[in-house]
Amino acid sequence: MKRLLIVLIVGLFLQVPITVEAQILGKLKRKVEKKVEKEVDKAIEGEKEEPVPEEKQTKETKEEEQIKAQEPTADQEPKLVWAKYDFVPGDKVIFEDNHENEENGEFPSRWDLNQGNVENAEFGGENVIMFRGGQAMIIPYLKNPEKDYLPDVFTIEFDLFIPDRNAFTVYFYDRKNQRPPAKYTSNLNIRPESMDLRPAQSSLPNKESVQNKWAHISIAYTNGKMKAYMDETRLINIPHLDFNPSGISLHAYFSKDSKRYYIKNFRLAEGGVKYYDRFLQDGKIVANGIRFDVNKATLKPESMGVINEIYKLMSKYPEINFSVEGHTDSDGDNDFNQKLSEKRADVVMQQLIAMGISEKRLSAKGFGESMAIDTNDTPEGKANNRRVEFVKMSEVKSRS
């Protein structure tokens, strides 16, 4: 390469005038040297990519990051936020059947038969009402059942074992003693994965099913508005019902291959005063919708409707502080009931603390059976006595 360069330079020097030979020589020399260096670099390292200016690189990187950020990830995918369980039981029990003192194999003493075959039984170690067959249907055994015995605001709760896809139906009138509504749409059909009450119908989310399981059924009626729940999921929400509920009938539909239905823990209650209004009026909130396992302080899932409402109330009004007070009925030993009521009050308090309420705003007490608000001679009276009260702190101080 150097020899070639010398030859070119000498040749040009002989052919051009002296006045310009220096300029041409310098320019040509620089050009040839640059060409030679480039060829050598290619041979040794291979051709390199031209570097991207830092400013351009920064801009493109930012654009790539923005595009990537807009792409949905597993954590950023849209999520359903659904207040599906807002059920709060009525505060005055008007009909209760927890199957106390029932004889296995006999007809349930608190009910009347409309059709089919229904008997008391033991299922899974618990006393239940068994719908044996014959399109079995029962109604509450009440005085003057021909009259409208459902208040303008009421709730219904019971546990239902659903064996197959046939419907278990709740009629909102007494089919033995009352005339049906003008519009024959007064029945709530319950299946393992859905409910329907015309015109509403919906299924459990994510293709869930409670077939061959116990499900807690809750129904709330408030001056024409009706909601119905399966466990903690609201499936029916009708703003204006086109008939007036006047009574209750429970019907298990049986096809040729149907299995048996069972129910337990039926409760009909009157209620509807908002918790804040009760608090302003009475200085306390009486809640018999907080449920526990028998003779235990273990909260049942359906208790969360009430506890959620108390949590919302305390979150909205930070000046409200509660003494959580447990009460029992008169069944059992006095000392056992006292300790049980204390444990239950503490469990409720701890649940509220776990949800975010400051422990400084809460205290827990138990009174056993010493402060009954109803008779202990009837199932309804006992149900009203089994309760948790949320008492304003100042009221507690004035009482002591």
Protein backbone atom coordinates (compact mmCIF):
# COMPACT_ATOMS: atom_id res chain seq x y z
CA MET A 1 0.00 0.00 0.00
CA LYS A 2 2.83 2.41 0.85
CA ARG A 3 4.62 1.72 -2.45
CA LEU A 4 1.42 2.39 -4.37
CA LEU A 5 1.01 5.65 -2.51
CA ILE A 6 4.58 6.74 -3.37
CA VAL A 7 4.09 5.92 -7.07
CA LEU A 8 0.88 7.95 -7.24
CA ILE A 9 2.43 10.91 -5.52
CA VAL A 10 5.49 10.91 -7.77
CA GLY A 11 3.37 10.58 -10.90
CA LEU A 12 1.17 13.48 -9.98
CA PHE A 13 4.14 15.59 -8.99
CA LEU A 14 5.63 15.21 -12.48
CA GLN A 15 2.38 16.13 -14.26
CA VAL A 16 1.05 19.18 -12.42
CA PRO A 17 2.44 22.69 -12.02
CA ILE A 18 4.46 23.53 -8.91
CA THR A 19 1.85 26.14 -7.73
CA VAL A 20 -0.83 23.58 -7.16
CA GLU A 21 1.18 20.45 -6.60
CA ALA A 22 1.39 21.00 -2.83
CA GLN A 23 -2.39 21.39 -2.46
CA ILE A 24 -3.19 18.37 -4.55
CA LEU A 25 -0.51 16.31 -2.87
CA GLY A 26 -1.81 17.05 0.64
CA LYS A 27 -5.46 16.38 -0.20
CA LEU A 28 -4.69 13.15 -2.04
CA LYS A 29 -2.44 11.95 0.73
CA ARG A 30 -5.12 12.45 3.40
CA LYS A 31 -7.75 10.69 1.29
CA VAL A 32 -5.60 7.67 0.55
CA GLU A 33 -4.50 7.32 4.18
CA LYS A 34 -8.14 7.40 5.35
CA LYS A 35 -9.07 4.76 2.79
CA VAL A 36 -6.19 2.52 3.83
CA GLU A 37 -7.05 2.81 7.57
CA LYS A 38 -10.68 1.90 6.89
CA GLU A 39 -9.69 -1.19 4.89
CA VAL A 40 -7.31 -2.33 7.61
CA ASP A 41 -9.98 -1.93 10.34
CA LYS A 42 -12.43 -4.00 8.31
CA ALA A 43 -9.92 -6.78 7.89
CA ILE A 44 -9.03 -6.95 11.57
CA GLU A 45 -12.33 -6.39 13.43
CA GLY A 46 -15.02 -6.50 10.80
CA GLU A 47 -17.27 -3.57 10.04
CA LYS A 48 -18.71 -1.90 13.16
CA GLU A 49 -22.17 -0.36 13.44
CA GLU A 50 -22.22 3.36 13.64
CA PRO A 51 -23.02 4.48 17.22
CA VAL A 52 -26.47 5.98 17.86
CA PRO A 53 -26.30 9.50 19.24
CA GLU A 54 -27.00 9.55 22.98
CA GLU A 55 -29.89 11.97 22.59
CA LYS A 56 -31.59 9.78 19.98
CA GLN A 57 -30.92 6.65 22.02
CA THR A 58 -32.53 8.16 25.12
CA LYS A 59 -35.64 9.21 23.17
CA GLU A 60 -36.11 5.79 21.55
CA THR A 61 -35.57 4.01 24.88
CA LYS A 62 -38.25 6.11 26.53
CA GLU A 63 -40.70 5.39 23.72
CA GLU A 64 -40.03 1.64 24.01
CA GLU A 65 -40.58 1.77 27.79
CA GLN A 66 -43.88 3.65 27.32
CA ILE A 67 -45.14 1.10 24.81
CA LYS A 68 -44.11 -1.77 27.10
CA ALA A 69 -45.84 -0.12 30.06
CA GLN A 70 -49.09 0.03 28.09
CA GLU A 71 -49.04 -3.71 27.45
CA PRO A 72 -51.20 -5.52 30.07
CA THR A 73 -49.37 -7.80 32.49
CA ALA A 74 -50.86 -10.43 34.77
CA ASP A 75 -50.98 -7.92 37.63
CA GLN A 76 -52.38 -5.11 35.47
CA GLU A 77 -55.25 -7.01 33.84
CA PRO A 78 -58.66 -5.48 34.60
CA LYS A 79 -60.13 -6.85 37.82
CA LEU A 80 -63.78 -7.05 38.82
CA VAL A 81 -64.65 -5.06 41.93
CA TRP A 82 -68.09 -6.18 43.10
CA ALA A 83 -69.81 -5.47 46.41
CA LYS A 84 -71.61 -8.77 46.22
CA TYR A 85 -72.52 -9.29 49.90
CA ASP A 86 -74.36 -6.48 51.62
CA PHE A 87 -77.00 -8.57 53.40
CA VAL A 88 -77.94 -7.48 56.92
CA PRO A 89 -80.54 -9.61 58.78
CA GLY A 90 -83.65 -8.10 60.29
CA ASP A 91 -83.29 -7.25 63.97
CA LYS A 92 -86.51 -8.83 65.30
CA VAL A 93 -87.03 -12.56 64.79
CA ILE A 94 -90.67 -13.45 64.07
CA PHE A 95 -90.24 -17.12 63.07
CA GLU A 96 -87.29 -19.38 63.92
CA ASP A 97 -86.58 -23.08 63.53
CA ASN A 98 -83.18 -24.41 64.58
CA HIS A 99 -84.65 -27.91 65.09
CA GLU A 100 -84.35 -27.99 68.87
CA ASN A 101 -86.15 -30.85 70.62
CA GLU A 102 -87.28 -32.38 67.33
CA GLU A 103 -87.76 -36.15 67.13
CA ASN A 104 -86.06 -37.90 64.26
CA GLY A 105 -88.57 -39.33 61.76
CA GLU A 106 -91.47 -37.11 62.83
CA PHE A 107 -92.95 -34.16 60.97
CA PRO A 108 -91.25 -30.80 61.85
CA SER A 109 -93.34 -29.33 64.66
CA ARG A 110 -92.94 -25.70 63.60
CA TRP A 111 -94.24 -26.28 60.07
CA ASP A 112 -97.40 -27.28 58.27
CA LEU A 113 -97.59 -29.60 55.26
CA ASN A 114 -99.07 -28.52 51.95
CA GLN A 115 -98.12 -31.59 49.91
CA GLY A 116 -95.60 -34.41 49.59
CA ASN A 117 -93.54 -36.01 52.32
CA VAL A 118 -91.32 -34.12 54.80
CA GLU A 119 -89.69 -35.39 58.02
CA ASN A 120 -87.06 -34.58 60.61
CA ALA A 121 -83.75 -36.36 60.08
CA GLU A 122 -80.08 -36.31 61.00
CA PHE A 123 -77.76 -35.48 58.12
CA GLY A 124 -74.02 -35.05 58.49
CA GLY A 125 -74.40 -35.19 62.27
CA GLU A 126 -76.91 -32.31 62.38
CA ASN A 127 -80.67 -32.11 62.82
CA VAL A 128 -82.34 -31.12 59.55
CA ILE A 129 -85.67 -31.06 57.73
CA MET A 130 -85.68 -33.66 54.96
CA PHE A 131 -87.82 -33.26 51.82
CA ARG A 132 -88.42 -36.91 50.98
CA GLY A 133 -90.48 -36.68 47.81
CA GLY A 134 -93.93 -36.21 46.31
CA GLN A 135 -93.25 -32.57 45.32
CA ALA A 136 -92.84 -31.82 49.03
CA MET A 137 -93.93 -28.39 50.23
CA ILE A 138 -94.12 -26.90 53.75
CA ILE A 139 -95.26 -23.59 55.22
CA PRO A 140 -94.58 -21.96 58.61
CA TYR A 141 -97.07 -23.04 61.25
CA LEU A 142 -98.50 -19.71 62.44
CA LYS A 143 -101.72 -18.33 63.86
CA ASN A 144 -103.97 -16.74 61.25
CA PRO A 145 -101.84 -17.87 58.27
CA GLU A 146 -104.46 -16.63 55.83
CA LYS A 147 -103.45 -13.06 56.66
CA ASP A 148 -100.44 -11.23 55.27
CA TYR A 149 -97.87 -11.96 57.97
CA LEU A 150 -94.83 -10.55 56.18
CA PRO A 151 -93.81 -7.02 57.22
CA ASP A 152 -92.95 -4.26 54.75
CA VAL A 153 -89.31 -4.92 55.60
CA PHE A 154 -88.17 -8.48 56.29
CA THR A 155 -85.36 -10.97 55.79
CA ILE A 156 -85.32 -14.75 55.32
CA GLU A 157 -82.35 -17.02 55.94
CA PHE A 158 -81.81 -20.77 55.82
CA ASP A 159 -79.19 -23.34 54.91
CA LEU A 160 -80.04 -25.51 51.90
CA PHE A 161 -78.41 -28.73 50.73
CA ILE A 162 -78.82 -28.89 46.94
CA PRO A 163 -78.33 -32.42 45.58
CA ASP A 164 -78.96 -31.90 41.86
CA ARG A 165 -79.88 -29.37 39.18
CA ASN A 166 -83.60 -29.42 39.92
CA ALA A 167 -84.98 -26.28 41.53
CA PHE A 168 -85.77 -25.66 45.18
CA THR A 169 -88.44 -22.94 45.25
CA VAL A 170 -89.40 -20.25 47.74
CA TYR A 171 -92.94 -18.95 47.13
CA PHE A 172 -93.70 -15.57 48.64
CA TYR A 173 -97.23 -16.50 49.68
CA ASP A 174 -98.74 -19.32 51.71
CA ARG A 175 -99.87 -21.81 49.05
CA LYS A 176 -102.17 -23.60 51.50
CA ASN A 177 -103.96 -20.66 53.10
CA GLN A 178 -103.53 -17.61 50.87
CA ARG A 179 -104.59 -16.66 47.38
CA PRO A 180 -101.75 -16.28 44.86
CA PRO A 181 -100.71 -12.81 43.68
CA ALA A 182 -102.37 -11.39 40.57
CA LYS A 183 -99.17 -12.01 38.64
CA TYR A 184 -97.87 -15.54 38.93
CA THR A 185 -94.22 -14.58 39.30
CA SER A 186 -93.90 -14.95 43.05
CA ASN A 187 -91.39 -17.79 43.19
CA LEU A 188 -87.63 -17.74 43.71
CA ASN A 189 -86.02 -20.79 42.08
CA ILE A 190 -82.71 -21.93 43.53
CA ARG A 191 -80.35 -24.23 41.61
CA PRO A 192 -76.74 -25.29 42.33
CA GLU A 193 -75.26 -22.46 40.29
CA SER A 194 -78.05 -19.89 39.84
CA MET A 195 -81.23 -18.18 41.02
CA ASP A 196 -84.17 -16.72 39.16
CA LEU A 197 -87.09 -14.58 40.24
CA ARG A 198 -88.80 -13.01 37.26
CA PRO A 199 -87.58 -10.86 35.66
CA ALA A 200 -84.16 -11.36 37.30
CA GLN A 201 -81.83 -14.32 36.77
CA SER A 202 -78.09 -14.77 37.32
CA SER A 203 -75.46 -17.40 38.01
CA LEU A 204 -72.56 -17.73 40.40
CA PRO A 205 -69.36 -16.20 38.97
CA ASN A 206 -66.58 -18.28 37.42
CA LYS A 207 -68.92 -21.22 36.76
CA GLU A 208 -69.07 -22.04 40.46
CA SER A 209 -71.57 -24.58 41.79
CA VAL A 210 -72.83 -25.67 45.21
CA GLN A 211 -74.23 -29.01 44.06
CA ASN A 212 -74.03 -31.63 46.82
CA LYS A 213 -73.04 -28.89 49.29
CA TRP A 214 -74.68 -26.71 51.90
CA ALA A 215 -75.43 -23.17 50.74
CA HIS A 216 -76.58 -20.29 52.92
CA ILE A 217 -79.62 -18.63 51.31
CA SER A 218 -80.45 -15.04 52.28
CA ILE A 219 -83.38 -12.92 51.08
CA ALA A 220 -84.02 -9.26 51.88
CA TYR A 221 -87.23 -7.37 51.09
CA THR A 222 -87.54 -3.62 51.68
CA ASN A 223 -90.74 -1.87 50.59
CA GLY A 224 -90.85 -3.38 47.11
CA LYS A 225 -87.14 -4.01 46.62
CA MET A 226 -85.88 -7.59 46.80
CA LYS A 227 -82.38 -9.06 46.93
CA ALA A 228 -81.37 -12.71 47.20
CA TYR A 229 -77.98 -14.24 47.95
CA MET A 230 -76.31 -17.62 47.73
CA ASP A 231 -73.57 -17.78 50.35
CA GLU A 232 -71.77 -14.43 49.93
CA THR A 233 -72.86 -13.72 46.36
CA ARG A 234 -75.88 -11.55 45.52
CA LEU A 235 -77.69 -13.11 42.57
CA ILE A 236 -81.06 -11.31 42.59
CA ASN A 237 -81.48 -7.54 42.79
CA ILE A 238 -84.95 -6.30 41.80
CA PRO A 239 -85.69 -2.59 42.41
CA HIS A 240 -89.49 -2.85 42.12
CA LEU A 241 -91.20 -6.18 42.71
CA ASP A 242 -94.53 -6.46 40.88
CA PHE A 243 -96.35 -8.25 43.72
CA ASN A 244 -96.71 -7.97 47.50
CA PRO A 245 -95.12 -10.84 49.47
CA SER A 246 -97.64 -12.13 52.01
CA GLY A 247 -96.33 -15.50 53.24
CA ILE A 248 -93.78 -18.27 52.76
CA SER A 249 -93.90 -21.72 51.13
CA LEU A 250 -90.87 -23.98 50.60
CA HIS A 251 -91.04 -26.47 47.74
CA ALA A 252 -88.54 -29.15 46.67
CA TYR A 253 -89.08 -30.21 43.06
CA PHE A 254 -88.50 -33.90 42.40
CA SER A 255 -87.95 -35.47 39.02
CA LYS A 256 -87.67 -39.23 38.47
CA ASP A 257 -84.03 -39.44 39.58
CA SER A 258 -84.03 -36.62 42.13
CA LYS A 259 -82.13 -36.92 45.37
CA ARG A 260 -83.30 -35.50 48.68
CA TYR A 261 -83.15 -31.86 49.70
CA TYR A 262 -82.41 -30.74 53.26
CA ILE A 263 -82.79 -27.42 55.08
CA LYS A 264 -81.72 -26.17 58.51
CA ASN A 265 -81.56 -22.95 60.55
CA PHE A 266 -84.58 -21.20 59.05
CA ARG A 267 -85.21 -17.65 60.25
CA LEU A 268 -87.74 -14.97 59.29
CA ALA A 269 -87.03 -11.55 60.79
CA GLU A 270 -88.45 -8.04 60.67
CA GLY A 271 -86.04 -5.14 60.30
CA GLY A 272 -84.71 -2.40 58.14
CA VAL A 273 -83.72 0.61 60.25
CA LYS A 274 -80.27 1.75 59.14
CA TYR A 275 -77.50 1.21 61.64
CA TYR A 276 -76.64 4.89 61.90
CA ASP A 277 -80.28 5.76 62.60
CA ARG A 278 -80.44 3.07 65.29
CA PHE A 279 -77.26 4.43 66.81
CA LEU A 280 -78.60 8.00 66.90
CA GLN A 281 -81.93 6.87 68.36
CA ASP A 282 -80.82 4.29 70.93
CA GLY A 283 -77.12 4.89 71.46
CA LYS A 284 -76.49 1.30 70.42
CA ILE A 285 -76.99 -1.23 67.63
CA VAL A 286 -78.51 -4.62 68.44
CA ALA A 287 -77.40 -7.28 65.96
CA ASN A 288 -78.66 -10.87 66.08
CA GLY A 289 -77.33 -11.50 62.58
CA ILE A 290 -73.83 -12.25 63.88
CA ARG A 291 -73.74 -16.05 63.98
CA PHE A 292 -71.41 -18.51 65.67
CA ASP A 293 -71.00 -22.26 65.68
CA VAL A 294 -73.06 -23.91 68.43
CA ASN A 295 -71.47 -23.39 71.86
CA LYS A 296 -68.38 -21.87 70.21
CA ALA A 297 -66.95 -18.45 69.45
CA THR A 298 -66.25 -19.26 65.80
CA LEU A 299 -67.79 -16.71 63.41
CA LYS A 300 -69.93 -18.04 60.57
CA PRO A 301 -69.37 -16.48 57.10
CA GLU A 302 -72.87 -14.96 56.99
CA SER A 303 -71.90 -12.78 59.97
CA MET A 304 -69.76 -10.59 57.71
CA GLY A 305 -72.76 -8.68 56.34
CA VAL A 306 -73.36 -7.13 59.77
CA ILE A 307 -69.67 -6.70 60.59
CA ASN A 308 -69.06 -5.00 57.24
CA GLU A 309 -71.81 -2.49 58.01
CA ILE A 310 -70.34 -1.74 61.45
CA TYR A 311 -66.93 -1.29 59.83
CA LYS A 312 -68.35 1.15 57.25
CA LEU A 313 -70.12 3.10 59.99
CA MET A 314 -67.00 3.42 62.13
CA SER A 315 -64.87 4.34 59.11
CA LYS A 316 -67.28 7.07 58.05
CA TYR A 317 -67.75 8.48 61.56
CA PRO A 318 -64.37 8.36 63.35
CA GLU A 319 -65.90 9.91 66.46
CA ILE A 320 -67.97 6.74 67.10
CA ASN A 321 -66.44 4.26 69.57
CA PHE A 322 -68.13 0.98 70.51
CA SER A 323 -68.25 -1.44 73.37
CA VAL A 324 -68.86 -4.83 71.73
CA GLU A 325 -71.13 -6.81 74.07
CA GLY A 326 -72.08 -10.47 73.79
CA HIS A 327 -75.32 -12.05 75.06
CA THR A 328 -76.71 -15.59 75.10
CA ASP A 329 -80.03 -17.28 75.73
CA SER A 330 -80.69 -19.23 78.96
CA ASP A 331 -79.87 -22.69 77.63
CA GLY A 332 -76.95 -24.32 79.41
CA ASP A 333 -74.86 -23.45 82.44
CA ASN A 334 -74.68 -19.83 83.62
CA ASP A 335 -70.89 -19.79 83.95
CA PHE A 336 -70.44 -21.37 80.52
CA ASN A 337 -72.77 -18.81 78.93
CA GLN A 338 -70.91 -15.96 80.62
CA LYS A 339 -67.52 -17.09 79.32
CA LEU A 340 -68.99 -17.87 75.90
CA SER A 341 -70.47 -14.36 75.58
CA GLU A 342 -67.12 -12.83 76.52
CA LYS A 343 -65.25 -14.88 73.91
CA ARG A 344 -67.78 -14.06 71.20
CA ALA A 345 -67.62 -10.32 71.92
CA ASP A 346 -63.82 -10.46 71.76
CA VAL A 347 -63.88 -12.35 68.44
CA VAL A 348 -66.09 -9.67 66.87
CA MET A 349 -63.88 -6.91 68.23
CA GLN A 350 -60.74 -8.60 66.90
CA GLN A 351 -62.36 -8.96 63.48
CA LEU A 352 -63.02 -5.21 63.31
CA ILE A 353 -59.44 -4.49 64.41
CA ALA A 354 -58.14 -6.82 61.71
CA MET A 355 -60.19 -4.85 59.16
CA GLY A 356 -58.49 -1.61 60.18
CA ILE A 357 -60.45 -0.12 63.10
CA SER A 358 -58.15 1.15 65.84
CA GLU A 359 -58.22 -0.98 68.99
CA LYS A 360 -58.46 2.27 70.99
CA ARG A 361 -61.99 2.71 69.63
CA LEU A 362 -63.24 -0.70 70.80
CA SER A 363 -63.72 -2.74 73.92
CA ALA A 364 -65.34 -6.15 74.51
CA LYS A 365 -67.61 -7.43 77.26
CA GLY A 366 -69.86 -10.42 77.87
CA PHE A 367 -73.08 -10.60 79.88
CA GLY A 368 -74.11 -14.22 79.34
CA GLU A 369 -77.86 -14.68 79.84
CA SER A 370 -78.23 -11.90 82.44
CA MET A 371 -79.69 -9.22 80.14
CA ALA A 372 -82.45 -10.95 78.17
CA ILE A 373 -84.60 -8.74 75.92
CA ASP A 374 -87.18 -11.43 75.12
CA THR A 375 -88.60 -14.63 76.58
CA ASN A 376 -86.50 -17.77 76.65
CA ASP A 377 -89.60 -19.95 76.27
CA THR A 378 -89.84 -19.81 72.46
CA PRO A 379 -87.33 -20.29 69.64
CA GLU A 380 -87.97 -16.73 68.46
CA GLY A 381 -87.37 -15.31 71.94
CA LYS A 382 -84.14 -17.26 72.33
CA ALA A 383 -83.00 -16.06 68.90
CA ASN A 384 -83.57 -12.43 69.93
CA ASN A 385 -81.61 -12.98 73.15
CA ARG A 386 -78.64 -14.47 71.29
CA ARG A 387 -77.14 -11.23 70.07
CA VAL A 388 -74.17 -8.89 69.88
CA GLU A 389 -74.70 -5.24 70.81
CA PHE A 390 -72.54 -2.32 69.74
CA VAL A 391 -72.96 0.22 72.54
CA LYS A 392 -71.75 3.81 72.40
CA MET A 393 -68.79 4.27 74.76
CA SER A 394 -70.41 7.18 76.63
CA GLU A 395 -73.48 5.01 77.22
CA VAL A 396 -71.24 2.36 78.80
CA LYS A 397 -69.72 4.89 81.19
CA SER A 398 -73.13 6.22 82.24
CA ARG A 399 -74.40 2.67 82.91
CA SER A 400 -71.45 1.70 85.14
